[in-house]
N, C-alpha and C. Protein backbone atom coordinates (compact mmCIF):
# COMPACT_ATOMS: atom_id res chain seq x y z
N MET A 1 15.30 9.64 -9.01
CA MET A 1 14.97 8.37 -9.62
C MET A 1 14.43 8.61 -11.02
N SER A 2 14.94 7.84 -11.96
CA SER A 2 14.48 8.00 -13.34
C SER A 2 13.20 7.18 -13.56
N ASN A 3 12.55 7.43 -14.68
CA ASN A 3 11.32 6.70 -15.01
C ASN A 3 11.59 5.21 -15.16
N LEU A 4 12.74 4.86 -15.71
CA LEU A 4 13.09 3.45 -15.89
C LEU A 4 13.26 2.76 -14.54
N GLN A 5 13.86 3.45 -13.58
CA GLN A 5 14.03 2.87 -12.25
C GLN A 5 12.68 2.70 -11.55
N ILE A 6 11.80 3.65 -11.73
CA ILE A 6 10.46 3.55 -11.14
C ILE A 6 9.70 2.39 -11.77
N ALA A 7 9.78 2.27 -13.09
CA ALA A 7 9.11 1.17 -13.78
C ALA A 7 9.66 -0.18 -13.32
N ALA A 8 10.97 -0.28 -13.16
CA ALA A 8 11.59 -1.53 -12.71
C ALA A 8 11.15 -1.84 -11.28
N LEU A 9 11.03 -0.84 -10.44
CA LEU A 9 10.59 -1.04 -9.06
C LEU A 9 9.15 -1.52 -9.02
N VAL A 10 8.29 -0.91 -9.80
CA VAL A 10 6.89 -1.34 -9.84
C VAL A 10 6.78 -2.76 -10.40
N TYR A 11 7.53 -3.04 -11.46
CA TYR A 11 7.53 -4.38 -12.06
C TYR A 11 7.99 -5.41 -11.04
N GLY A 12 9.08 -5.12 -10.35
CA GLY A 12 9.60 -6.04 -9.35
C GLY A 12 8.62 -6.26 -8.21
N ALA A 13 7.94 -5.22 -7.78
CA ALA A 13 6.96 -5.35 -6.71
C ALA A 13 5.78 -6.23 -7.13
N ILE A 14 5.31 -6.04 -8.35
CA ILE A 14 4.20 -6.86 -8.85
C ILE A 14 4.64 -8.31 -8.99
N ALA A 15 5.81 -8.54 -9.55
CA ALA A 15 6.30 -9.91 -9.71
C ALA A 15 6.49 -10.57 -8.34
N LEU A 16 7.03 -9.85 -7.38
CA LEU A 16 7.23 -10.40 -6.04
C LEU A 16 5.90 -10.69 -5.36
N LEU A 17 4.90 -9.87 -5.64
CA LEU A 17 3.58 -10.07 -5.07
C LEU A 17 3.00 -11.42 -5.48
N TYR A 18 3.33 -11.88 -6.68
CA TYR A 18 2.84 -13.17 -7.15
C TYR A 18 3.84 -14.30 -6.95
N LEU A 19 5.12 -13.99 -6.85
CA LEU A 19 6.12 -15.02 -6.59
C LEU A 19 6.01 -15.57 -5.16
N ALA A 20 5.77 -14.72 -4.20
CA ALA A 20 5.74 -15.14 -2.80
C ALA A 20 4.66 -16.20 -2.53
N PRO A 21 3.40 -15.98 -2.93
CA PRO A 21 2.39 -17.03 -2.68
C PRO A 21 2.69 -18.32 -3.44
N THR A 22 3.25 -18.21 -4.64
CA THR A 22 3.60 -19.40 -5.41
C THR A 22 4.67 -20.21 -4.69
N TYR A 23 5.66 -19.51 -4.15
CA TYR A 23 6.72 -20.18 -3.40
C TYR A 23 6.16 -20.83 -2.14
N ILE A 24 5.30 -20.12 -1.42
CA ILE A 24 4.71 -20.64 -0.18
C ILE A 24 3.85 -21.86 -0.47
N GLU A 25 3.07 -21.83 -1.55
CA GLU A 25 2.26 -22.99 -1.93
C GLU A 25 3.14 -24.21 -2.18
N GLY A 26 4.26 -23.99 -2.87
CA GLY A 26 5.17 -25.09 -3.15
C GLY A 26 5.77 -25.67 -1.89
N GLU A 27 6.06 -24.82 -0.92
CA GLU A 27 6.62 -25.30 0.34
C GLU A 27 5.59 -26.08 1.15
N LYS A 28 4.33 -25.67 1.09
CA LYS A 28 3.27 -26.38 1.83
C LYS A 28 3.02 -27.77 1.26
N VAL A 29 3.21 -27.92 -0.03
CA VAL A 29 2.94 -29.20 -0.68
C VAL A 29 4.09 -30.19 -0.50
N GLY A 30 5.22 -29.77 -0.11
CA GLY A 30 6.31 -30.70 0.10
C GLY A 30 7.67 -30.07 -0.12
N GLY A 31 7.73 -29.00 -0.83
CA GLY A 31 8.97 -28.27 -1.02
C GLY A 31 9.91 -28.82 -2.06
N ARG A 32 9.50 -29.86 -2.80
CA ARG A 32 10.38 -30.39 -3.85
C ARG A 32 10.32 -29.48 -5.06
N TRP A 33 11.46 -29.30 -5.72
CA TRP A 33 11.55 -28.43 -6.89
C TRP A 33 11.39 -29.28 -8.14
N SER A 34 10.18 -29.33 -8.67
CA SER A 34 9.93 -30.05 -9.92
C SER A 34 9.96 -29.06 -11.07
N ALA A 35 9.87 -29.58 -12.27
CA ALA A 35 9.85 -28.71 -13.45
C ALA A 35 8.63 -27.80 -13.44
N HIS A 36 7.52 -28.32 -12.95
CA HIS A 36 6.30 -27.50 -12.91
C HIS A 36 6.44 -26.35 -11.92
N ARG A 37 7.09 -26.60 -10.81
CA ARG A 37 7.27 -25.53 -9.82
C ARG A 37 8.21 -24.46 -10.35
N VAL A 38 9.28 -24.87 -11.01
CA VAL A 38 10.22 -23.90 -11.60
C VAL A 38 9.52 -23.09 -12.69
N ALA A 39 8.73 -23.78 -13.53
CA ALA A 39 8.00 -23.08 -14.59
C ALA A 39 7.02 -22.06 -13.99
N GLY A 40 6.36 -22.43 -12.89
CA GLY A 40 5.44 -21.50 -12.24
C GLY A 40 6.15 -20.27 -11.72
N MET A 41 7.34 -20.45 -11.16
CA MET A 41 8.10 -19.30 -10.66
C MET A 41 8.55 -18.40 -11.83
N ILE A 42 8.96 -19.01 -12.92
CA ILE A 42 9.39 -18.23 -14.09
C ILE A 42 8.21 -17.45 -14.66
N PHE A 43 7.04 -18.10 -14.77
CA PHE A 43 5.86 -17.41 -15.30
C PHE A 43 5.44 -16.26 -14.39
N CYS A 44 5.58 -16.44 -13.08
CA CYS A 44 5.25 -15.35 -12.15
C CYS A 44 6.16 -14.15 -12.38
N ALA A 45 7.39 -14.40 -12.76
CA ALA A 45 8.34 -13.31 -12.97
C ALA A 45 8.10 -12.59 -14.30
N PHE A 46 7.58 -13.30 -15.32
CA PHE A 46 7.49 -12.70 -16.64
C PHE A 46 6.09 -12.29 -17.10
N TRP A 47 5.03 -12.73 -16.40
CA TRP A 47 3.70 -12.37 -16.90
C TRP A 47 3.43 -10.87 -16.85
N PRO A 48 3.96 -10.10 -15.89
CA PRO A 48 3.69 -8.65 -15.96
C PRO A 48 4.27 -8.02 -17.22
N LEU A 49 5.42 -8.50 -17.67
CA LEU A 49 6.02 -7.97 -18.90
C LEU A 49 5.16 -8.30 -20.11
N LEU A 50 4.67 -9.53 -20.17
CA LEU A 50 3.81 -9.92 -21.29
C LEU A 50 2.51 -9.13 -21.30
N THR A 51 1.96 -8.86 -20.13
CA THR A 51 0.75 -8.06 -20.04
C THR A 51 1.00 -6.63 -20.51
N ALA A 52 2.13 -6.06 -20.12
CA ALA A 52 2.47 -4.70 -20.55
C ALA A 52 2.66 -4.63 -22.06
N VAL A 53 3.30 -5.63 -22.65
CA VAL A 53 3.50 -5.66 -24.11
C VAL A 53 2.15 -5.76 -24.81
N PHE A 54 1.25 -6.61 -24.30
CA PHE A 54 -0.07 -6.76 -24.91
C PHE A 54 -0.85 -5.45 -24.84
N ILE A 55 -0.84 -4.79 -23.70
CA ILE A 55 -1.55 -3.52 -23.55
C ILE A 55 -0.97 -2.48 -24.50
N TYR A 56 0.35 -2.43 -24.61
CA TYR A 56 0.99 -1.48 -25.53
C TYR A 56 0.59 -1.76 -26.97
N LYS A 57 0.59 -3.03 -27.38
CA LYS A 57 0.24 -3.37 -28.76
C LYS A 57 -1.20 -2.99 -29.07
N VAL A 58 -2.10 -3.22 -28.12
CA VAL A 58 -3.50 -2.90 -28.35
C VAL A 58 -3.71 -1.39 -28.44
N THR A 59 -3.07 -0.63 -27.56
CA THR A 59 -3.28 0.81 -27.57
C THR A 59 -2.53 1.50 -28.70
N ALA A 60 -1.43 0.93 -29.17
CA ALA A 60 -0.64 1.57 -30.21
C ALA A 60 -1.13 1.22 -31.61
N SER A 61 -2.00 0.22 -31.74
CA SER A 61 -2.47 -0.17 -33.05
C SER A 61 -3.48 0.85 -33.57
N ALA A 62 -3.82 0.70 -34.84
CA ALA A 62 -4.80 1.59 -35.45
C ALA A 62 -6.16 1.39 -34.78
N SER A 63 -7.09 2.30 -35.02
CA SER A 63 -8.38 2.23 -34.35
C SER A 63 -9.22 1.06 -34.86
N LYS A 64 -8.90 0.51 -36.02
CA LYS A 64 -9.63 -0.62 -36.55
C LYS A 64 -9.22 -1.88 -35.77
N PRO A 65 -10.17 -2.58 -35.15
CA PRO A 65 -9.80 -3.77 -34.39
C PRO A 65 -9.27 -4.87 -35.30
N LYS A 66 -8.29 -5.59 -34.81
CA LYS A 66 -7.70 -6.66 -35.59
C LYS A 66 -8.11 -8.02 -35.07
N PHE A 67 -8.98 -8.05 -34.08
CA PHE A 67 -9.43 -9.31 -33.54
C PHE A 67 -10.70 -9.75 -34.25
N VAL A 68 -10.86 -11.03 -34.48
CA VAL A 68 -12.06 -11.57 -35.09
C VAL A 68 -12.87 -12.19 -33.97
N PHE A 69 -14.05 -11.66 -33.73
CA PHE A 69 -14.89 -12.15 -32.66
C PHE A 69 -15.86 -13.23 -33.12
N ALA A 70 -16.03 -13.38 -34.42
CA ALA A 70 -16.90 -14.43 -34.95
C ALA A 70 -16.18 -15.10 -36.11
N ASP A 71 -16.33 -16.39 -36.20
CA ASP A 71 -15.70 -17.15 -37.28
C ASP A 71 -16.48 -16.87 -38.56
N GLN A 72 -15.83 -16.33 -39.56
CA GLN A 72 -16.50 -15.97 -40.80
C GLN A 72 -16.98 -17.20 -41.56
N ALA A 73 -16.38 -18.35 -41.33
CA ALA A 73 -16.78 -19.57 -42.03
C ALA A 73 -18.16 -20.05 -41.58
N VAL A 74 -18.54 -19.77 -40.35
CA VAL A 74 -19.84 -20.21 -39.85
C VAL A 74 -20.82 -19.07 -39.66
N ALA A 75 -20.45 -17.89 -40.08
CA ALA A 75 -21.34 -16.73 -39.94
C ALA A 75 -22.55 -16.88 -40.84
N VAL A 76 -23.68 -16.44 -40.35
CA VAL A 76 -24.92 -16.51 -41.13
C VAL A 76 -24.90 -15.37 -42.15
N PRO A 77 -25.04 -15.70 -43.45
CA PRO A 77 -25.03 -14.61 -44.44
C PRO A 77 -26.27 -13.74 -44.29
N SER A 78 -26.09 -12.46 -44.48
CA SER A 78 -27.22 -11.54 -44.38
C SER A 78 -28.01 -11.55 -45.67
N ARG A 79 -29.28 -11.33 -45.56
CA ARG A 79 -30.13 -11.29 -46.75
C ARG A 79 -30.01 -9.94 -47.42
N SER A 80 -30.12 -9.92 -48.70
CA SER A 80 -30.03 -8.64 -49.40
C SER A 80 -31.33 -7.86 -49.14
N PRO A 81 -31.24 -6.54 -49.00
CA PRO A 81 -32.43 -5.75 -48.63
C PRO A 81 -33.49 -5.69 -49.71
N GLY A 82 -33.18 -5.98 -50.96
CA GLY A 82 -34.15 -5.85 -52.03
C GLY A 82 -35.05 -7.06 -52.19
N ARG A 83 -34.70 -8.18 -51.59
CA ARG A 83 -35.49 -9.39 -51.77
C ARG A 83 -36.28 -9.71 -50.52
N SER A 84 -37.49 -10.17 -50.73
CA SER A 84 -38.30 -10.59 -49.59
C SER A 84 -38.23 -12.11 -49.46
N PRO A 85 -38.31 -12.60 -48.25
CA PRO A 85 -38.28 -14.07 -48.09
C PRO A 85 -39.55 -14.71 -48.63
N ASP A 86 -39.42 -15.81 -49.34
CA ASP A 86 -40.59 -16.48 -49.93
C ASP A 86 -41.08 -17.57 -49.05
């Protein structure tokens, strides 16, 4: 088995792990296939891929973080060290 086949098997297992309860929930509620139910099934199939891409992007980026944790527009300006508050 190649690495790609192993990755596909793991991906499929994870997606199936989340697809099955979503399908069962839909059947318990009435079993009708609405747009929301179809969208839920599609998201269950693709979220592991999106998570893997996000993890890859974060680990492959430079060591400098690119996320802003505080809004610079509302940040409190720091006082200069040479001046004392009056």
